[in-house]
Amino acid sequence: MNIRLRELRLEKGLRLKDVAEAMGVTLRTISNYEAGIREPSLDMLVKLCKFFEVSSDYLLGLSDEY
C-alpha cells in the first residue's frame, strides 16, 4: 500500500501535511504509512480510500483498477 499511497498523493499534488490534516492524524502517521513502517487501521483505510476516491483493493495493491 505504501507505494500506492505515495503515488496517489503526488498525483494529486498534495503534501504529507495535506493528507494528514484531512485524515485527522499527524504528518508522521502518513509518512509511516508511505514508508511501510505502519499499516492503517481498517477505519483509516476506509477514510483514505474515500479521500483518494479509490477502492481498498487498489490501495492495498490487490487490483490495478481504481
C-alpha atoms as a PDB file:
ATOM      1  CA  MET A   1       0.000   0.000   0.000  1.00  0.00           C
ATOM      2  CA  ASN A   2       2.829   2.381   0.776  1.00  0.00           C
ATOM      3  CA  ILE A   3       3.787   2.888  -2.872  1.00  0.00           C
ATOM      4  CA  ARG A   4       0.214   3.425  -3.998  1.00  0.00           C
ATOM      5  CA  LEU A   5      -0.499   5.881  -1.215  1.00  0.00           C
ATOM      6  CA  ARG A   6       2.528   7.981  -2.093  1.00  0.00           C
ATOM      7  CA  GLU A   7       1.727   7.839  -5.828  1.00  0.00           C
ATOM      8  CA  LEU A   8      -1.854   8.971  -5.241  1.00  0.00           C
ATOM      9  CA  ARG A   9      -0.720  11.814  -3.012  1.00  0.00           C
ATOM     10  CA  LEU A  10       1.825  13.037  -5.540  1.00  0.00           C
ATOM     11  CA  GLU A  11      -0.619  12.628  -8.450  1.00  0.00           C
ATOM     12  CA  LYS A  12      -2.987  14.999  -6.689  1.00  0.00           C
ATOM     13  CA  GLY A  13      -0.208  17.436  -5.834  1.00  0.00           C
ATOM     14  CA  LEU A  14      -0.710  17.000  -2.110  1.00  0.00           C
ATOM     15  CA  ARG A  15       1.829  17.311   0.665  1.00  0.00           C
ATOM     16  CA  LEU A  16       2.061  14.853   3.542  1.00  0.00           C
ATOM     17  CA  LYS A  17       0.677  17.624   5.713  1.00  0.00           C
ATOM     18  CA  ASP A  18      -2.398  17.982   3.479  1.00  0.00           C
ATOM     19  CA  VAL A  19      -3.290  14.309   3.768  1.00  0.00           C
ATOM     20  CA  ALA A  20      -2.541  14.222   7.483  1.00  0.00           C
ATOM     21  CA  GLU A  21      -4.827  17.172   8.158  1.00  0.00           C
ATOM     22  CA  ALA A  22      -7.612  15.682   6.039  1.00  0.00           C
ATOM     23  CA  MET A  23      -7.327  12.367   7.911  1.00  0.00           C
ATOM     24  CA  GLY A  24      -7.028  13.965  11.349  1.00  0.00           C
ATOM     25  CA  VAL A  25      -3.658  12.377  12.098  1.00  0.00           C
ATOM     26  CA  THR A  26      -0.078  13.554  12.361  1.00  0.00           C
ATOM     27  CA  LEU A  27       2.228  14.034   9.417  1.00  0.00           C
ATOM     28  CA  ARG A  28       4.408  11.285  10.895  1.00  0.00           C
ATOM     29  CA  THR A  29       1.496   8.825  10.709  1.00  0.00           C
ATOM     30  CA  ILE A  30       1.016   9.352   6.968  1.00  0.00           C
ATOM     31  CA  SER A  31       4.782   9.277   6.465  1.00  0.00           C
ATOM     32  CA  ASN A  32       4.930   5.945   8.309  1.00  0.00           C
ATOM     33  CA  TYR A  33       2.159   4.514   6.117  1.00  0.00           C
ATOM     34  CA  GLU A  34       4.037   5.555   2.992  1.00  0.00           C
ATOM     35  CA  ALA A  35       7.315   4.134   4.297  1.00  0.00           C
ATOM     36  CA  GLY A  36       5.681   0.828   5.220  1.00  0.00           C
ATOM     37  CA  ILE A  37       6.564   1.279   8.882  1.00  0.00           C
ATOM     38  CA  ARG A  38       2.913   1.197   9.972  1.00  0.00           C
ATOM     39  CA  GLU A  39      -0.285  -0.100   8.449  1.00  0.00           C
ATOM     40  CA  PRO A  40      -3.508   1.882   8.758  1.00  0.00           C
ATOM     41  CA  SER A  41      -6.415   0.563  10.783  1.00  0.00           C
ATOM     42  CA  LEU A  42      -9.498  -0.567   8.901  1.00  0.00           C
ATOM     43  CA  ASP A  43     -11.229   2.731   9.697  1.00  0.00           C
ATOM     44  CA  MET A  44      -8.240   4.700   8.397  1.00  0.00           C
ATOM     45  CA  LEU A  45      -8.083   2.551   5.268  1.00  0.00           C
ATOM     46  CA  VAL A  46     -11.710   3.414   4.538  1.00  0.00           C
ATOM     47  CA  LYS A  47     -11.018   7.127   5.110  1.00  0.00           C
ATOM     48  CA  LEU A  48      -8.003   7.029   2.788  1.00  0.00           C
ATOM     49  CA  CYS A  49      -9.992   5.251   0.076  1.00  0.00           C
ATOM     50  CA  LYS A  50     -12.778   7.820   0.276  1.00  0.00           C
ATOM     51  CA  PHE A  51     -10.313  10.705   0.314  1.00  0.00           C
ATOM     52  CA  PHE A  52      -8.437   9.472  -2.755  1.00  0.00           C
ATOM     53  CA  GLU A  53     -11.590   8.059  -4.387  1.00  0.00           C
ATOM     54  CA  VAL A  54     -10.099   4.598  -4.932  1.00  0.00           C
ATOM     55  CA  SER A  55     -11.051   1.086  -3.886  1.00  0.00           C
ATOM     56  CA  SER A  56      -9.395  -0.646  -0.975  1.00  0.00           C
ATOM     57  CA  ASP A  57      -8.215  -3.346  -3.390  1.00  0.00           C
ATOM     58  CA  TYR A  58      -6.380  -0.687  -5.389  1.00  0.00           C
ATOM     59  CA  LEU A  59      -4.827   0.945  -2.342  1.00  0.00           C
ATOM     60  CA  LEU A  60      -3.739  -2.438  -0.982  1.00  0.00           C
ATOM     61  CA  GLY A  61      -2.202  -3.426  -4.319  1.00  0.00           C
ATOM     62  CA  LEU A  62      -4.689  -6.229  -4.984  1.00  0.00           C
ATOM     63  CA  SER A  63      -6.035  -4.595  -8.137  1.00  0.00           C
ATOM     64  CA  ASP A  64      -4.815  -2.140 -10.735  1.00  0.00           C
ATOM     65  CA  GLU A  65      -8.273  -0.589 -11.134  1.00  0.00           C
ATOM     66  CA  TYR A  66      -9.246   2.403  -9.009  1.00  0.00           C
END
